[in-house]
Amino acid sequence: QLQLVESGGGLVQPGGSLRLSCAASGFTLDYYTIGWFRQAPGKEREGVSCIGYNGVDKNYADSVKGRFTISRDNPKNTVYLQMNSLKPEDTAVYYCARQYIGLRLDCSTAGEYTYWGQGTQVTVSS
């Protein structure tokens, strides 16, 4: 079964850090761009970051630039999102997904992604 599974979410105080993981099963991540999206209650799903198959091409939403870092470990078939200096407005369910192959790197268009994971809750609160 082809799927992505997120983990690493939790409750953290403002200014704290979390590292999310996105593990693939049933396929290898080597050839795909992987994106992280998030959805807060009452808001639309928004793109957070994405990383190209080569691990070099990366993009970030303006709201997380300088605070979040995306990386991938292809031998482990896993993509990570290191989140530092977390703010209450980062509170959301975070999802990872696989971009359809052959598309240019795009972190914002959810419709270009498939094999969405079940999500992991991140709550930033004192």
PDB file of N, CA and C in Angstrom:
ATOM      1  N   GLN A   1       0.848  -1.192   0.000  1.00  0.00           N
ATOM      2  CA  GLN A   1       0.000   0.000   0.000  1.00  0.00           C
ATOM      3  C   GLN A   1       0.884   1.242   0.000  1.00  0.00           C
ATOM      4  N   LEU A   2       0.629   2.150  -0.938  1.00  0.00           N
ATOM      5  CA  LEU A   2       1.399   3.374  -1.033  1.00  0.00           C
ATOM      6  C   LEU A   2       0.843   4.394  -0.050  1.00  0.00           C
ATOM      7  N   GLN A   3       1.686   4.880   0.839  1.00  0.00           N
ATOM      8  CA  GLN A   3       1.214   5.878   1.778  1.00  0.00           C
ATOM      9  C   GLN A   3       2.363   6.679   2.368  1.00  0.00           C
ATOM     10  N   LEU A   4       1.993   7.837   2.898  1.00  0.00           N
ATOM     11  CA  LEU A   4       2.898   8.693   3.649  1.00  0.00           C
ATOM     12  C   LEU A   4       2.352   8.810   5.069  1.00  0.00           C
ATOM     13  N   VAL A   5       3.229   8.762   6.035  1.00  0.00           N
ATOM     14  CA  VAL A   5       2.814   8.824   7.432  1.00  0.00           C
ATOM     15  C   VAL A   5       3.609   9.911   8.139  1.00  0.00           C
ATOM     16  N   GLU A   6       2.879  10.884   8.690  1.00  0.00           N
ATOM     17  CA  GLU A   6       3.521  11.969   9.429  1.00  0.00           C
ATOM     18  C   GLU A   6       3.621  11.615  10.914  1.00  0.00           C
ATOM     19  N   SER A   7       4.625  12.163  11.552  1.00  0.00           N
ATOM     20  CA  SER A   7       4.786  12.009  12.994  1.00  0.00           C
ATOM     21  C   SER A   7       5.610  13.170  13.526  1.00  0.00           C
ATOM     22  N   GLY A   8       5.626  13.316  14.850  1.00  0.00           N
ATOM     23  CA  GLY A   8       6.465  14.325  15.472  1.00  0.00           C
ATOM     24  C   GLY A   8       5.733  15.545  15.992  1.00  0.00           C
ATOM     25  N   GLY A   9       4.433  15.602  15.757  1.00  0.00           N
ATOM     26  CA  GLY A   9       3.679  16.731  16.265  1.00  0.00           C
ATOM     27  C   GLY A   9       3.524  16.679  17.777  1.00  0.00           C
ATOM     28  N   GLY A  10       2.974  17.753  18.325  1.00  0.00           N
ATOM     29  CA  GLY A  10       2.761  17.804  19.763  1.00  0.00           C
ATOM     30  C   GLY A  10       2.467  19.196  20.239  1.00  0.00           C
ATOM     31  N   LEU A  11       2.491  19.357  21.551  1.00  0.00           N
ATOM     32  CA  LEU A  11       2.252  20.646  22.191  1.00  0.00           C
ATOM     33  C   LEU A  11       3.603  21.251  22.566  1.00  0.00           C
ATOM     34  N   VAL A  12       3.819  22.486  22.182  1.00  0.00           N
ATOM     35  CA  VAL A  12       5.083  23.165  22.465  1.00  0.00           C
ATOM     36  C   VAL A  12       4.796  24.614  22.810  1.00  0.00           C
ATOM     37  N   GLN A  13       5.647  25.188  23.641  1.00  0.00           N
ATOM     38  CA  GLN A  13       5.481  26.589  24.009  1.00  0.00           C
ATOM     39  C   GLN A  13       5.989  27.496  22.892  1.00  0.00           C
ATOM     40  N   PRO A  14       5.495  28.711  22.832  1.00  0.00           N
ATOM     41  CA  PRO A  14       6.022  29.668  21.849  1.00  0.00           C
ATOM     42  C   PRO A  14       7.536  29.789  21.993  1.00  0.00           C
ATOM     43  N   GLY A  15       8.199  29.822  20.845  1.00  0.00           N
ATOM     44  CA  GLY A  15       9.653  29.860  20.830  1.00  0.00           C
ATOM     45  C   GLY A  15      10.311  28.492  20.809  1.00  0.00           C
ATOM     46  N   GLY A  16       9.526  27.465  21.001  1.00  0.00           N
ATOM     47  CA  GLY A  16      10.049  26.107  21.021  1.00  0.00           C
ATOM     48  C   GLY A  16      10.242  25.520  19.638  1.00  0.00           C
ATOM     49  N   SER A  17      10.645  24.254  19.620  1.00  0.00           N
ATOM     50  CA  SER A  17      10.962  23.577  18.361  1.00  0.00           C
ATOM     51  C   SER A  17      10.308  22.201  18.305  1.00  0.00           C
ATOM     52  N   LEU A  18      10.042  21.761  17.096  1.00  0.00           N
ATOM     53  CA  LEU A  18       9.582  20.412  16.819  1.00  0.00           C
ATOM     54  C   LEU A  18      10.190  19.963  15.501  1.00  0.00           C
ATOM     55  N   ARG A  19      10.377  18.660  15.361  1.00  0.00           N
ATOM     56  CA  ARG A  19      10.774  18.112  14.065  1.00  0.00           C
ATOM     57  C   ARG A  19       9.727  17.099  13.617  1.00  0.00           C
ATOM     58  N   LEU A  20       9.124  17.395  12.488  1.00  0.00           N
ATOM     59  CA  LEU A  20       8.144  16.493  11.901  1.00  0.00           C
ATOM     60  C   LEU A  20       8.835  15.550  10.924  1.00  0.00           C
ATOM     61  N   SER A  21       8.319  14.345  10.859  1.00  0.00           N
ATOM     62  CA  SER A  21       8.818  13.350   9.914  1.00  0.00           C
ATOM     63  C   SER A  21       7.700  12.912   8.985  1.00  0.00           C
ATOM     64  N   CYS A  22       8.069  12.607   7.770  1.00  0.00           N
ATOM     65  CA  CYS A  22       7.139  12.101   6.765  1.00  0.00           C
ATOM     66  C   CYS A  22       7.777  10.860   6.165  1.00  0.00           C
ATOM     67  N   ALA A  23       7.273   9.709   6.549  1.00  0.00           N
ATOM     68  CA  ALA A  23       7.855   8.443   6.118  1.00  0.00           C
ATOM     69  C   ALA A  23       6.999   7.813   5.034  1.00  0.00           C
ATOM     70  N   ALA A  24       7.655   7.360   3.991  1.00  0.00           N
ATOM     71  CA  ALA A  24       6.944   6.733   2.878  1.00  0.00           C
ATOM     72  C   ALA A  24       7.005   5.218   2.995  1.00  0.00           C
ATOM     73  N   SER A  25       5.929   4.590   2.587  1.00  0.00           N
ATOM     74  CA  SER A  25       5.920   3.134   2.469  1.00  0.00           C
ATOM     75  C   SER A  25       5.229   2.751   1.173  1.00  0.00           C
ATOM     76  N   GLY A  26       5.706   1.675   0.588  1.00  0.00           N
ATOM     77  CA  GLY A  26       5.121   1.216  -0.663  1.00  0.00           C
ATOM     78  C   GLY A  26       5.730   1.836  -1.900  1.00  0.00           C
ATOM     79  N   PHE A  27       6.560   2.844  -1.739  1.00  0.00           N
ATOM     80  CA  PHE A  27       7.253   3.447  -2.867  1.00  0.00           C
ATOM     81  C   PHE A  27       8.494   4.161  -2.331  1.00  0.00           C
ATOM     82  N   THR A  28       9.407   4.466  -3.234  1.00  0.00           N
ATOM     83  CA  THR A  28      10.593   5.204  -2.843  1.00  0.00           C
ATOM     84  C   THR A  28      10.406   6.686  -3.117  1.00  0.00           C
ATOM     85  N   LEU A  29      10.882   7.496  -2.176  1.00  0.00           N
ATOM     86  CA  LEU A  29      10.740   8.940  -2.312  1.00  0.00           C
ATOM     87  C   LEU A  29      11.727   9.544  -3.302  1.00  0.00           C
ATOM     88  N   ASP A  30      12.713   8.755  -3.728  1.00  0.00           N
ATOM     89  CA  ASP A  30      13.863   9.296  -4.451  1.00  0.00           C
ATOM     90  C   ASP A  30      13.500  10.188  -5.627  1.00  0.00           C
ATOM     91  N   TYR A  31      12.380   9.910  -6.290  1.00  0.00           N
ATOM     92  CA  TYR A  31      12.104  10.592  -7.548  1.00  0.00           C
ATOM     93  C   TYR A  31      11.066  11.698  -7.433  1.00  0.00           C
ATOM     94  N   TYR A  32      10.652  12.016  -6.197  1.00  0.00           N
ATOM     95  CA  TYR A  32       9.502  12.891  -6.035  1.00  0.00           C
ATOM     96  C   TYR A  32       9.786  14.110  -5.182  1.00  0.00           C
ATOM     97  N   THR A  33       9.130  15.199  -5.572  1.00  0.00           N
ATOM     98  CA  THR A  33       9.053  16.348  -4.684  1.00  0.00           C
ATOM     99  C   THR A  33       8.042  16.033  -3.585  1.00  0.00           C
ATOM    100  N   ILE A  34       8.417  16.361  -2.360  1.00  0.00           N
ATOM    101  CA  ILE A  34       7.534  16.170  -1.218  1.00  0.00           C
ATOM    102  C   ILE A  34       7.223  17.531  -0.614  1.00  0.00           C
ATOM    103  N   GLY A  35       5.971  17.736  -0.309  1.00  0.00           N
ATOM    104  CA  GLY A  35       5.544  19.006   0.259  1.00  0.00           C
ATOM    105  C   GLY A  35       4.933  18.834   1.638  1.00  0.00           C
ATOM    106  N   TRP A  36       5.082  19.869   2.427  1.00  0.00           N
ATOM    107  CA  TRP A  36       4.407  19.968   3.718  1.00  0.00           C
ATOM    108  C   TRP A  36       3.339  21.056   3.609  1.00  0.00           C
ATOM    109  N   PHE A  37       2.155  20.732   4.071  1.00  0.00           N
ATOM    110  CA  PHE A  37       1.041  21.666   4.108  1.00  0.00           C
ATOM    111  C   PHE A  37       0.503  21.694   5.534  1.00  0.00           C
ATOM    112  N   ARG A  38      -0.283  22.708   5.833  1.00  0.00           N
ATOM    113  CA  ARG A  38      -0.916  22.748   7.141  1.00  0.00           C
ATOM    114  C   ARG A  38      -2.308  23.337   7.013  1.00  0.00           C
ATOM    115  N   GLN A  39      -3.141  22.956   7.962  1.00  0.00           N
ATOM    116  CA  GLN A  39      -4.507  23.470   7.980  1.00  0.00           C
ATOM    117  C   GLN A  39      -4.920  23.743   9.412  1.00  0.00           C
ATOM    118  N   ALA A  40      -5.225  25.003   9.670  1.00  0.00           N
ATOM    119  CA  ALA A  40      -5.716  25.416  10.972  1.00  0.00           C
ATOM    120  C   ALA A  40      -7.235  25.394  10.955  1.00  0.00           C
ATOM    121  N   PRO A  41      -7.872  25.277  12.125  1.00  0.00           N
ATOM    122  CA  PRO A  41      -9.339  25.252  12.168  1.00  0.00           C
ATOM    123  C   PRO A  41      -9.936  26.476  11.493  1.00  0.00           C
ATOM    124  N   GLY A  42     -10.885  26.229  10.612  1.00  0.00           N
ATOM    125  CA  GLY A  42     -11.572  27.319   9.947  1.00  0.00           C
ATOM    126  C   GLY A  42     -10.798  27.975   8.823  1.00  0.00           C
ATOM    127  N   LYS A  43      -9.628  27.448   8.503  1.00  0.00           N
ATOM    128  CA  LYS A  43      -8.795  28.034   7.445  1.00  0.00           C
ATOM    129  C   LYS A  43      -8.546  27.015   6.351  1.00  0.00           C
ATOM    130  N   GLU A  44      -8.170  27.536   5.202  1.00  0.00           N
ATOM    131  CA  GLU A  44      -7.838  26.655   4.085  1.00  0.00           C
ATOM    132  C   GLU A  44      -6.456  26.039   4.297  1.00  0.00           C
ATOM    133  N   ARG A  45      -6.262  24.908   3.643  1.00  0.00           N
ATOM    134  CA  ARG A  45      -4.958  24.264   3.686  1.00  0.00           C
ATOM    135  C   ARG A  45      -3.948  25.140   2.956  1.00  0.00           C
ATOM    136  N   GLU A  46      -2.786  25.336   3.558  1.00  0.00           N
ATOM    137  CA  GLU A  46      -1.773  26.177   2.943  1.00  0.00           C
ATOM    138  C   GLU A  46      -0.450  25.439   2.841  1.00  0.00           C
ATOM    139  N   GLY A  47       0.287  25.743   1.799  1.00  0.00           N
ATOM    140  CA  GLY A  47       1.601  25.153   1.618  1.00  0.00           C
ATOM    141  C   GLY A  47       2.605  25.778   2.565  1.00  0.00           C
ATOM    142  N   VAL A  48       3.440  24.948   3.153  1.00  0.00           N
ATOM    143  CA  VAL A  48       4.452  25.402   4.091  1.00  0.00           C
ATOM    144  C   VAL A  48       5.851  25.343   3.461  1.00  0.00           C
ATOM    145  N   SER A  49       6.162  24.194   2.880  1.00  0.00           N
ATOM    146  CA  SER A  49       7.497  24.006   2.314  1.00  0.00           C
ATOM    147  C   SER A  49       7.480  22.785   1.408  1.00  0.00           C
ATOM    148  N   CYS A  50       8.443  22.732   0.503  1.00  0.00           N
ATOM    149  CA  CYS A  50       8.583  21.540  -0.324  1.00  0.00           C
ATOM    150  C   CYS A  50      10.053  21.364  -0.699  1.00  0.00           C
ATOM    151  N   ILE A  51      10.394  20.143  -1.059  1.00  0.00           N
ATOM    152  CA  ILE A  51      11.776  19.817  -1.379  1.00  0.00           C
ATOM    153  C   ILE A  51      11.803  18.928  -2.608  1.00  0.00           C
ATOM    154  N   GLY A  52      12.659  19.276  -3.543  1.00  0.00           N
ATOM    155  CA  GLY A  52      12.777  18.511  -4.761  1.00  0.00           C
ATOM    156  C   GLY A  52      13.443  17.166  -4.524  1.00  0.00           C
ATOM    157  N   TYR A  53      13.355  16.299  -5.563  1.00  0.00           N
ATOM    158  CA  TYR A  53      13.868  14.936  -5.420  1.00  0.00           C
ATOM    159  C   TYR A  53      15.356  14.916  -5.089  1.00  0.00           C
ATOM    160  N   ASN A  54      16.085  15.967  -5.526  1.00  0.00           N
ATOM    161  CA  ASN A  54      17.528  15.962  -5.326  1.00  0.00           C
ATOM    162  C   ASN A  54      17.944  16.510  -3.970  1.00  0.00           C
ATOM    163  N   GLY A  55      16.975  17.019  -3.206  1.00  0.00           N
ATOM    164  CA  GLY A  55      17.286  17.561  -1.891  1.00  0.00           C
ATOM    165  C   GLY A  55      17.908  18.939  -1.921  1.00  0.00           C
ATOM    166  N   VAL A  56      18.098  19.485  -3.107  1.00  0.00           N
ATOM    167  CA  VAL A  56      18.738  20.798  -3.239  1.00  0.00           C
ATOM    168  C   VAL A  56      17.687  21.894  -3.413  1.00  0.00           C
ATOM    169  N   ASP A  57      16.734  21.652  -4.277  1.00  0.00           N
ATOM    170  CA  ASP A  57      15.680  22.636  -4.540  1.00  0.00           C
ATOM    171  C   ASP A  57      14.671  22.621  -3.406  1.00  0.00           C
ATOM    172  N   LYS A  58      14.498  23.790  -2.781  1.00  0.00           N
ATOM    173  CA  LYS A  58      13.580  23.913  -1.657  1.00  0.00           C
ATOM    174  C   LYS A  58      12.855  25.244  -1.743  1.00  0.00           C
ATOM    175  N   ASN A  59      11.644  25.271  -1.260  1.00  0.00           N
ATOM    176  CA  ASN A  59      10.899  26.520  -1.143  1.00  0.00           C
ATOM    177  C   ASN A  59      10.176  26.553   0.186  1.00  0.00           C
ATOM    178  N   TYR A  60       9.912  27.785   0.632  1.00  0.00           N
ATOM    179  CA  TYR A  60       9.222  27.980   1.898  1.00  0.00           C
ATOM    180  C   TYR A  60       8.172  29.068   1.744  1.00  0.00           C
ATOM    181  N   ALA A  61       7.094  28.925   2.491  1.00  0.00           N
ATOM    182  CA  ALA A  61       6.139  30.018   2.590  1.00  0.00           C
ATOM    183  C   ALA A  61       6.803  31.180   3.324  1.00  0.00           C
ATOM    184  N   ASP A  62       6.410  32.384   2.978  1.00  0.00           N
ATOM    185  CA  ASP A  62       7.015  33.561   3.609  1.00  0.00           C
ATOM    186  C   ASP A  62       6.860  33.532   5.126  1.00  0.00           C
ATOM    187  N   SER A  63       5.750  32.972   5.587  1.00  0.00           N
ATOM    188  CA  SER A  63       5.450  32.973   7.014  1.00  0.00           C
ATOM    189  C   SER A  63       6.394  32.088   7.829  1.00  0.00           C
ATOM    190  N   VAL A  64       7.128  31.182   7.161  1.00  0.00           N
ATOM    191  CA  VAL A  64       7.996  30.266   7.910  1.00  0.00           C
ATOM    192  C   VAL A  64       9.465  30.413   7.522  1.00  0.00           C
ATOM    193  N   LYS A  65       9.769  31.250   6.549  1.00  0.00           N
ATOM    194  CA  LYS A  65      11.159  31.417   6.131  1.00  0.00           C
ATOM    195  C   LYS A  65      12.026  31.865   7.288  1.00  0.00           C
ATOM    196  N   GLY A  66      13.187  31.226   7.399  1.00  0.00           N
ATOM    197  CA  GLY A  66      14.112  31.548   8.465  1.00  0.00           C
ATOM    198  C   GLY A  66      13.839  30.815   9.765  1.00  0.00           C
ATOM    199  N   ARG A  67      12.682  30.149   9.841  1.00  0.00           N
ATOM    200  CA  ARG A  67      12.334  29.412  11.063  1.00  0.00           C
ATOM    201  C   ARG A  67      12.224  27.906  10.813  1.00  0.00           C
ATOM    202  N   PHE A  68      11.752  27.530   9.639  1.00  0.00           N
ATOM    203  CA  PHE A  68      11.550  26.120   9.297  1.00  0.00           C
ATOM    204  C   PHE A  68      12.615  25.691   8.293  1.00  0.00           C
ATOM    205  N   THR A  69      13.025  24.429   8.399  1.00  0.00           N
ATOM    206  CA  THR A  69      13.982  23.858   7.459  1.00  0.00           C
ATOM    207  C   THR A  69      13.497  22.483   7.022  1.00  0.00           C
ATOM    208  N   ILE A  70      13.417  22.301   5.706  1.00  0.00           N
ATOM    209  CA  ILE A  70      13.003  21.007   5.166  1.00  0.00           C
ATOM    210  C   ILE A  70      14.242  20.248   4.715  1.00  0.00           C
ATOM    211  N   SER A  71      14.213  18.942   4.896  1.00  0.00           N
ATOM    212  CA  SER A  71      15.332  18.104   4.463  1.00  0.00           C
ATOM    213  C   SER A  71      14.797  16.719   4.134  1.00  0.00           C
ATOM    214  N   ARG A  72      15.637  15.924   3.490  1.00  0.00           N
ATOM    215  CA  ARG A  72      15.214  14.571   3.167  1.00  0.00           C
ATOM    216  C   ARG A  72      16.381  13.606   3.344  1.00  0.00           C
ATOM    217  N   ASP A  73      16.033  12.388   3.691  1.00  0.00           N
ATOM    218  CA  ASP A  73      17.009  11.309   3.828  1.00  0.00           C
ATOM    219  C   ASP A  73      16.475  10.181   2.958  1.00  0.00           C
ATOM    220  N   ASN A  74      16.899  10.147   1.727  1.00  0.00           N
ATOM    221  CA  ASN A  74      16.348   9.171   0.790  1.00  0.00           C
ATOM    222  C   ASN A  74      16.603   7.722   1.205  1.00  0.00           C
ATOM    223  N   PRO A  75      17.795   7.374   1.727  1.00  0.00           N
ATOM    224  CA  PRO A  75      17.975   5.982   2.181  1.00  0.00           C
ATOM    225  C   PRO A  75      16.968   5.580   3.256  1.00  0.00           C
ATOM    226  N   LYS A  76      16.532   6.557   4.060  1.00  0.00           N
ATOM    227  CA  LYS A  76      15.540   6.265   5.090  1.00  0.00           C
ATOM    228  C   LYS A  76      14.115   6.485   4.581  1.00  0.00           C
ATOM    229  N   ASN A  77      14.013   6.924   3.322  1.00  0.00           N
ATOM    230  CA  ASN A  77      12.696   7.156   2.717  1.00  0.00           C
ATOM    231  C   ASN A  77      11.849   8.111   3.546  1.00  0.00           C
ATOM    232  N   THR A  78      12.483   9.163   4.036  1.00  0.00           N
ATOM    233  CA  THR A  78      11.833  10.085   4.963  1.00  0.00           C
ATOM    234  C   THR A  78      12.192  11.529   4.633  1.00  0.00           C
ATOM    235  N   VAL A  79      11.210  12.401   4.797  1.00  0.00           N
ATOM    236  CA  VAL A  79      11.403  13.842   4.685  1.00  0.00           C
ATOM    237  C   VAL A  79      11.096  14.453   6.053  1.00  0.00           C
ATOM    238  N   TYR A  80      11.866  15.471   6.396  1.00  0.00           N
ATOM    239  CA  TYR A  80      11.730  16.104   7.705  1.00  0.00           C
ATOM    240  C   TYR A  80      11.364  17.578   7.557  1.00  0.00           C
ATOM    241  N   LEU A  81      10.719  18.093   8.575  1.00  0.00           N
ATOM    242  CA  LEU A  81      10.468  19.532   8.677  1.00  0.00           C
ATOM    243  C   LEU A  81      10.874  19.956  10.084  1.00  0.00           C
ATOM    244  N   GLN A  82      12.016  20.634  10.173  1.00  0.00           N
ATOM    245  CA  GLN A  82      12.484  21.169  11.446  1.00  0.00           C
ATOM    246  C   GLN A  82      11.847  22.532  11.649  1.00  0.00           C
ATOM    247  N   MET A  83      11.132  22.680  12.739  1.00  0.00           N
ATOM    248  CA  MET A  83      10.399  23.905  13.005  1.00  0.00           C
ATOM    249  C   MET A  83      10.959  24.547  14.273  1.00  0.00           C
ATOM    250  N   ASN A  84      11.546  25.714  14.121  1.00  0.00           N
ATOM    251  CA  ASN A  84      12.113  26.457  15.250  1.00  0.00           C
ATOM    252  C   ASN A  84      11.352  27.762  15.457  1.00  0.00           C
ATOM    253  N   SER A  85      11.548  28.363  16.614  1.00  0.00           N
ATOM    254  CA  SER A  85      10.910  29.648  16.933  1.00  0.00           C
ATOM    255  C   SER A  85       9.415  29.603  16.646  1.00  0.00           C
ATOM    256  N   LEU A  86       8.781  28.562  17.113  1.00  0.00           N
ATOM    257  CA  LEU A  86       7.365  28.371  16.815  1.00  0.00           C
ATOM    258  C   LEU A  86       6.510  29.457  17.440  1.00  0.00           C
ATOM    259  N   LYS A  87       5.447  29.804  16.713  1.00  0.00           N
ATOM    260  CA  LYS A  87       4.515  30.841  17.123  1.00  0.00           C
ATOM    261  C   LYS A  87       3.123  30.239  17.265  1.00  0.00           C
ATOM    262  N   PRO A  88       2.258  30.854  18.039  1.00  0.00           N
ATOM    263  CA  PRO A  88       0.883  30.337  18.145  1.00  0.00           C
ATOM    264  C   PRO A  88       0.189  30.199  16.793  1.00  0.00           C
ATOM    265  N   GLU A  89       0.517  31.081  15.865  1.00  0.00           N
ATOM    266  CA  GLU A  89      -0.113  31.009  14.539  1.00  0.00           C
ATOM    267  C   GLU A  89       0.379  29.835  13.695  1.00  0.00           C
ATOM    268  N   ASP A  90       1.373  29.101  14.190  1.00  0.00           N
ATOM    269  CA  ASP A  90       1.815  27.874  13.522  1.00  0.00           C
ATOM    270  C   ASP A  90       0.945  26.680  13.901  1.00  0.00           C
ATOM    271  N   THR A  91       0.047  26.877  14.847  1.00  0.00           N
ATOM    272  CA  THR A  91      -0.831  25.799  15.277  1.00  0.00           C
ATOM    273  C   THR A  91      -1.710  25.331  14.120  1.00  0.00           C
ATOM    274  N   ALA A  92      -1.654  24.036  13.833  1.00  0.00           N
ATOM    275  CA  ALA A  92      -2.395  23.462  12.712  1.00  0.00           C
ATOM    276  C   ALA A  92      -2.143  21.962  12.672  1.00  0.00           C
ATOM    277  N   VAL A  93      -2.905  21.290  11.818  1.00  0.00           N
ATOM    278  CA  VAL A  93      -2.571  19.921  11.456  1.00  0.00           C
ATOM    279  C   VAL A  93      -1.632  19.995  10.250  1.00  0.00           C
ATOM    280  N   TYR A  94      -0.517  19.317  10.354  1.00  0.00           N
ATOM    281  CA  TYR A  94       0.497  19.332   9.298  1.00  0.00           C
ATOM    282  C   TYR A  94       0.424  18.025   8.510  1.00  0.00           C
ATOM    283  N   TYR A  95       0.419  18.188   7.198  1.00  0.00           N
ATOM    284  CA  TYR A  95       0.326  17.054   6.283  1.00  0.00           C
ATOM    285  C   TYR A  95       1.520  17.044   5.335  1.00  0.00           C
ATOM    286  N   CYS A  96       1.943  15.857   4.945  1.00  0.00           N
ATOM    287  CA  CYS A  96       2.887  15.767   3.839  1.00  0.00           C
ATOM    288  C   CYS A  96       2.209  15.043   2.678  1.00  0.00           C
ATOM    289  N   ALA A  97       2.733  15.298   1.504  1.00  0.00           N
ATOM    290  CA  ALA A  97       2.155  14.712   0.300  1.00  0.00           C
ATOM    291  C   ALA A  97       3.213  14.680  -0.796  1.00  0.00           C
ATOM    292  N   ARG A  98       2.942  13.901  -1.816  1.00  0.00           N
ATOM    293  CA  ARG A  98       3.869  13.717  -2.924  1.00  0.00           C
ATOM    294  C   ARG A  98       3.377  14.461  -4.150  1.00  0.00           C
ATOM    295  N   GLN A  99       4.229  15.288  -4.719  1.00  0.00           N
ATOM    296  CA  GLN A  99       3.832  16.018  -5.911  1.00  0.00           C
ATOM    297  C   GLN A  99       3.791  15.072  -7.106  1.00  0.00           C
ATOM    298  N   TYR A 100       2.852  15.274  -7.995  1.00  0.00           N
ATOM    299  CA  TYR A 100       2.814  14.514  -9.240  1.00  0.00           C
ATOM    300  C   TYR A 100       4.118  14.727  -9.997  1.00  0.00           C
ATOM    301  N   ILE A 101       4.642  13.670 -10.530  1.00  0.00           N
ATOM    302  CA  ILE A 101       5.959  13.730 -11.148  1.00  0.00           C
ATOM    303  C   ILE A 101       5.923  14.564 -12.423  1.00  0.00           C
ATOM    304  N   GLY A 102       7.041  15.252 -12.671  1.00  0.00           N
ATOM    305  CA  GLY A 102       7.161  16.027 -13.900  1.00  0.00           C
ATOM    306  C   GLY A 102       6.745  17.472 -13.770  1.00  0.00           C
ATOM    307  N   LEU A 103       6.244  17.874 -12.618  1.00  0.00           N
ATOM    308  CA  LEU A 103       5.819  19.263 -12.424  1.00  0.00           C
ATOM    309  C   LEU A 103       6.968  20.081 -11.845  1.00  0.00           C
ATOM    310  N   ARG A 104       6.932  21.381 -12.095  1.00  0.00           N
ATOM    311  CA  ARG A 104       7.939  22.254 -11.502  1.00  0.00           C
ATOM    312  C   ARG A 104       7.696  22.324  -9.999  1.00  0.00           C
ATOM    313  N   LEU A 105       8.745  22.653  -9.271  1.00  0.00           N
ATOM    314  CA  LEU A 105       8.644  22.738  -7.814  1.00  0.00           C
ATOM    315  C   LEU A 105       7.603  23.782  -7.428  1.00  0.00           C
ATOM    316  N   ASP A 106       6.624  23.373  -6.677  1.00  0.00           N
ATOM    317  CA  ASP A 106       5.549  24.272  -6.271  1.00  0.00           C
ATOM    318  C   ASP A 106       5.050  23.814  -4.919  1.00  0.00           C
ATOM    319  N   CYS A 107       5.173  24.671  -3.936  1.00  0.00           N
ATOM    320  CA  CYS A 107       4.805  24.302  -2.575  1.00  0.00           C
ATOM    321  C   CYS A 107       3.411  24.744  -2.200  1.00  0.00           C
ATOM    322  N   SER A 108       2.726  25.442  -3.075  1.00  0.00           N
ATOM    323  CA  SER A 108       1.482  26.088  -2.665  1.00  0.00           C
ATOM    324  C   SER A 108       0.215  25.486  -3.256  1.00  0.00           C
ATOM    325  N   THR A 109       0.350  24.688  -4.301  1.00  0.00           N
ATOM    326  CA  THR A 109      -0.830  24.181  -5.005  1.00  0.00           C
ATOM    327  C   THR A 109      -1.133  22.757  -4.541  1.00  0.00           C
ATOM    328  N   ALA A 110      -2.065  22.644  -3.615  1.00  0.00           N
ATOM    329  CA  ALA A 110      -2.369  21.327  -3.045  1.00  0.00           C
ATOM    330  C   ALA A 110      -2.872  20.348  -4.099  1.00  0.00           C
ATOM    331  N   GLY A 111      -3.527  20.863  -5.126  1.00  0.00           N
ATOM    332  CA  GLY A 111      -4.065  20.003  -6.173  1.00  0.00           C
ATOM    333  C   GLY A 111      -3.005  19.286  -6.981  1.00  0.00           C
ATOM    334  N   GLU A 112      -1.751  19.706  -6.854  1.00  0.00           N
ATOM    335  CA  GLU A 112      -0.663  19.049  -7.567  1.00  0.00           C
ATOM    336  C   GLU A 112      -0.053  17.910  -6.756  1.00  0.00           C
ATOM    337  N   TYR A 113      -0.638  17.637  -5.611  1.00  0.00           N
ATOM    338  CA  TYR A 113      -0.087  16.632  -4.708  1.00  0.00           C
ATOM    339  C   TYR A 113      -1.056  15.479  -4.507  1.00  0.00           C
ATOM    340  N   THR A 114      -0.491  14.318  -4.176  1.00  0.00           N
ATOM    341  CA  THR A 114      -1.288  13.130  -3.937  1.00  0.00           C
ATOM    342  C   THR A 114      -0.680  12.331  -2.787  1.00  0.00           C
ATOM    343  N   TYR A 115      -1.327  11.252  -2.435  1.00  0.00           N
ATOM    344  CA  TYR A 115      -0.888  10.381  -1.338  1.00  0.00           C
ATOM    345  C   TYR A 115      -0.690  11.184  -0.052  1.00  0.00           C
ATOM    346  N   TRP A 116      -1.725  11.899   0.311  1.00  0.00           N
ATOM    347  CA  TRP A 116      -1.701  12.694   1.541  1.00  0.00           C
ATOM    348  C   TRP A 116      -1.663  11.771   2.754  1.00  0.00           C
ATOM    349  N   GLY A 117      -0.840  12.154   3.760  1.00  0.00           N
ATOM    350  CA  GLY A 117      -0.841  11.436   5.007  1.00  0.00           C
ATOM    351  C   GLY A 117      -2.050  11.815   5.848  1.00  0.00           C
ATOM    352  N   GLN A 118      -2.131  11.254   7.030  1.00  0.00           N
ATOM    353  CA  GLN A 118      -3.283  11.492   7.911  1.00  0.00           C
ATOM    354  C   GLN A 118      -3.125  12.774   8.720  1.00  0.00           C
ATOM    355  N   GLY A 119      -1.908  13.316   8.729  1.00  0.00           N
ATOM    356  CA  GLY A 119      -1.659  14.569   9.437  1.00  0.00           C
ATOM    357  C   GLY A 119      -1.157  14.362  10.848  1.00  0.00           C
ATOM    358  N   THR A 120      -0.466  15.359  11.350  1.00  0.00           N
ATOM    359  CA  THR A 120      -0.001  15.360  12.741  1.00  0.00           C
ATOM    360  C   THR A 120      -0.272  16.738  13.328  1.00  0.00           C
ATOM    361  N   GLN A 121      -0.831  16.762  14.519  1.00  0.00           N
ATOM    362  CA  GLN A 121      -1.254  18.017  15.148  1.00  0.00           C
ATOM    363  C   GLN A 121      -0.056  18.721  15.779  1.00  0.00           C
ATOM    364  N   VAL A 122       0.075  19.999  15.469  1.00  0.00           N
ATOM    365  CA  VAL A 122       1.065  20.863  16.119  1.00  0.00           C
ATOM    366  C   VAL A 122       0.306  21.967  16.834  1.00  0.00           C
ATOM    367  N   THR A 123       0.525  22.077  18.123  1.00  0.00           N
ATOM    368  CA  THR A 123      -0.124  23.107  18.921  1.00  0.00           C
ATOM    369  C   THR A 123       0.945  23.922  19.632  1.00  0.00           C
ATOM    370  N   VAL A 124       0.920  25.228  19.379  1.00  0.00           N
ATOM    371  CA  VAL A 124       1.884  26.131  20.006  1.00  0.00           C
ATOM    372  C   VAL A 124       1.117  27.011  20.981  1.00  0.00           C
ATOM    373  N   SER A 125       1.363  26.805  22.250  1.00  0.00           N
ATOM    374  CA  SER A 125       0.594  27.506  23.271  1.00  0.00           C
ATOM    375  C   SER A 125       1.354  27.504  24.585  1.00  0.00           C
ATOM    376  N   SER A 126       1.172  28.586  25.329  1.00  0.00           N
ATOM    377  CA  SER A 126       1.788  28.648  26.656  1.00  0.00           C
ATOM    378  C   SER A 126       0.806  28.156  27.716  1.00  0.00           C
TER     379      SER A 126
END
